[in-house]
Amino acid sequence: FTLGPRLGWVPSAQWLLFTTGGYASIGLDSRTVVSGTSAALSETHGQHSGWFIGGGIEYAIAANWIVGFEFQHLELGRELHVANTGAADNRAFDVTQDIFRTRLTFKLGRSDEPYEAMK
């Protein structure tokens, strides 16, 4: 999950440009399996915490409809995952992630001004 504010600029009534950043966290599981089967030889779990930064753009296509695009880069650090079979199977993971998101939003309720006034 990510937790952080968005700070934006509205160049017109229909556009929003924003940047975002804050705290990020992920639970990562890994498993070693026997080739050709699904039998697990060892399993690990680690919780990674770090930060994210990103930005995006949103456009009001109608009075209650908004389409948006967002990018986030997560840096979640290096963590040692301890295996259930012993120290020989422990693994270290250095986790970074890039997220590209497309969103379609519907605002409930009536608009304060008609869509035609937004143009």
Protein backbone atom coordinates (compact mmCIF):
# COMPACT_ATOMS: atom_id res chain seq x y z
CA PHE A 1 0.00 0.00 0.00
CA THR A 2 0.96 3.61 -0.36
CA LEU A 3 0.01 6.50 1.90
CA GLY A 4 0.68 10.10 0.97
CA PRO A 5 -0.83 13.40 -0.16
CA ARG A 6 -1.36 14.74 -3.66
CA LEU A 7 -0.42 18.32 -4.43
CA GLY A 8 -1.89 19.68 -7.62
CA TRP A 9 -2.31 22.59 -9.95
CA VAL A 10 -5.49 23.35 -11.92
CA PRO A 11 -4.59 25.23 -15.12
CA SER A 12 -8.28 25.22 -16.23
CA ALA A 13 -11.61 23.95 -14.92
CA GLN A 14 -11.14 20.57 -16.63
CA TRP A 15 -7.45 19.77 -15.94
CA LEU A 16 -5.58 18.73 -12.80
CA LEU A 17 -1.80 18.16 -12.78
CA PHE A 18 -0.45 16.67 -9.55
CA THR A 19 2.55 15.22 -7.76
CA THR A 20 2.40 12.70 -4.94
CA GLY A 21 4.75 11.00 -2.51
CA GLY A 22 4.93 9.37 0.89
CA TYR A 23 5.15 6.01 2.66
CA ALA A 24 4.98 2.64 0.86
CA SER A 25 4.85 -0.94 2.19
CA ILE A 26 4.61 -4.43 0.66
CA GLY A 27 4.54 -8.02 1.90
CA LEU A 28 6.67 -10.24 -0.35
CA ASP A 29 6.50 -14.06 -0.37
CA SER A 30 8.93 -16.33 -2.21
CA ARG A 31 9.02 -20.10 -2.66
CA THR A 32 11.55 -22.60 -4.00
CA VAL A 33 9.82 -25.52 -5.73
CA VAL A 34 10.89 -28.86 -7.15
CA SER A 35 11.26 -28.51 -10.93
CA GLY A 36 8.21 -29.86 -12.78
CA THR A 37 6.05 -29.98 -9.64
CA SER A 38 4.51 -27.51 -7.25
CA ALA A 39 6.13 -29.10 -4.16
CA ALA A 40 7.70 -26.34 -2.08
CA LEU A 41 11.22 -26.88 -0.75
CA SER A 42 11.33 -23.61 1.19
CA GLU A 43 9.19 -20.52 1.67
CA THR A 44 10.04 -17.03 2.91
CA HIS A 45 8.14 -13.88 3.78
CA GLY A 46 9.39 -10.35 4.33
CA GLN A 47 7.75 -6.99 4.92
CA HIS A 48 9.38 -4.15 2.99
CA SER A 49 8.78 -0.50 3.88
CA GLY A 50 10.06 2.61 2.15
CA TRP A 51 8.89 5.57 0.13
CA PHE A 52 7.23 6.49 -3.16
CA ILE A 53 7.10 9.48 -5.47
CA GLY A 54 4.99 10.12 -8.53
CA GLY A 55 2.67 12.33 -10.45
CA GLY A 56 -0.22 12.38 -12.81
CA ILE A 57 -2.87 14.19 -14.77
CA GLU A 58 -6.68 14.18 -14.61
CA TYR A 59 -9.22 15.54 -17.10
CA ALA A 60 -12.95 16.17 -16.55
CA ILE A 61 -14.61 14.68 -19.64
CA ALA A 62 -18.10 15.56 -18.34
CA ALA A 63 -19.64 17.17 -15.26
CA ASN A 64 -19.35 13.99 -13.15
CA TRP A 65 -16.77 11.95 -15.10
CA ILE A 66 -12.98 12.24 -14.77
CA VAL A 67 -10.28 10.23 -16.53
CA GLY A 68 -6.79 10.13 -15.05
CA PHE A 69 -3.29 8.73 -15.50
CA GLU A 70 -0.73 8.32 -12.71
CA PHE A 71 2.83 7.06 -12.29
CA GLN A 72 4.43 6.00 -8.98
CA HIS A 73 8.00 4.86 -8.31
CA LEU A 74 8.42 2.83 -5.08
CA GLU A 75 11.72 2.25 -3.25
CA LEU A 76 11.14 -0.44 -0.63
CA GLY A 77 14.67 -1.32 0.47
CA ARG A 78 16.66 -4.49 1.00
CA GLU A 79 15.31 -7.06 3.46
CA LEU A 80 16.46 -10.54 4.47
CA HIS A 81 13.71 -13.14 4.18
CA VAL A 82 14.19 -15.99 6.65
CA ALA A 83 13.29 -19.41 5.21
CA ASN A 84 11.27 -22.01 7.10
CA THR A 85 13.94 -24.67 6.31
CA GLY A 86 17.02 -22.97 7.75
CA ALA A 87 19.59 -20.25 7.18
CA ALA A 88 20.96 -21.83 3.97
CA ASP A 89 17.69 -20.97 2.20
CA ASN A 90 17.43 -17.36 3.45
CA ARG A 91 17.11 -14.79 0.67
CA ALA A 92 17.77 -11.06 0.43
CA PHE A 93 15.49 -8.97 -1.80
CA ASP A 94 16.04 -5.38 -2.91
CA VAL A 95 12.61 -4.17 -4.00
CA THR A 96 11.77 -1.30 -6.35
CA GLN A 97 8.51 -1.02 -8.25
CA ASP A 98 7.05 1.25 -10.93
CA ILE A 99 3.27 1.54 -11.13
CA PHE A 100 1.34 2.99 -14.08
CA ARG A 101 -2.33 3.56 -13.28
CA THR A 102 -5.32 4.62 -15.40
CA ARG A 103 -8.45 5.71 -13.59
CA LEU A 104 -12.02 6.56 -14.48
CA THR A 105 -13.88 8.43 -11.72
CA PHE A 106 -17.59 9.13 -11.32
CA LYS A 107 -18.45 11.91 -8.84
CA LEU A 108 -21.69 11.31 -6.94
CA GLY A 109 -24.16 14.14 -6.52
CA ARG A 110 -24.88 16.99 -8.84
CA SER A 111 -22.23 19.26 -10.24
CA ASP A 112 -21.95 22.80 -8.85
CA GLU A 113 -21.89 24.14 -12.39
CA PRO A 114 -23.02 22.63 -15.66
CA TYR A 115 -20.42 20.88 -17.80
CA GLU A 116 -20.96 23.47 -20.57
CA ALA A 117 -19.65 26.19 -18.23
CA MET A 118 -16.42 24.20 -17.75
CA LYS A 119 -15.48 24.47 -21.44
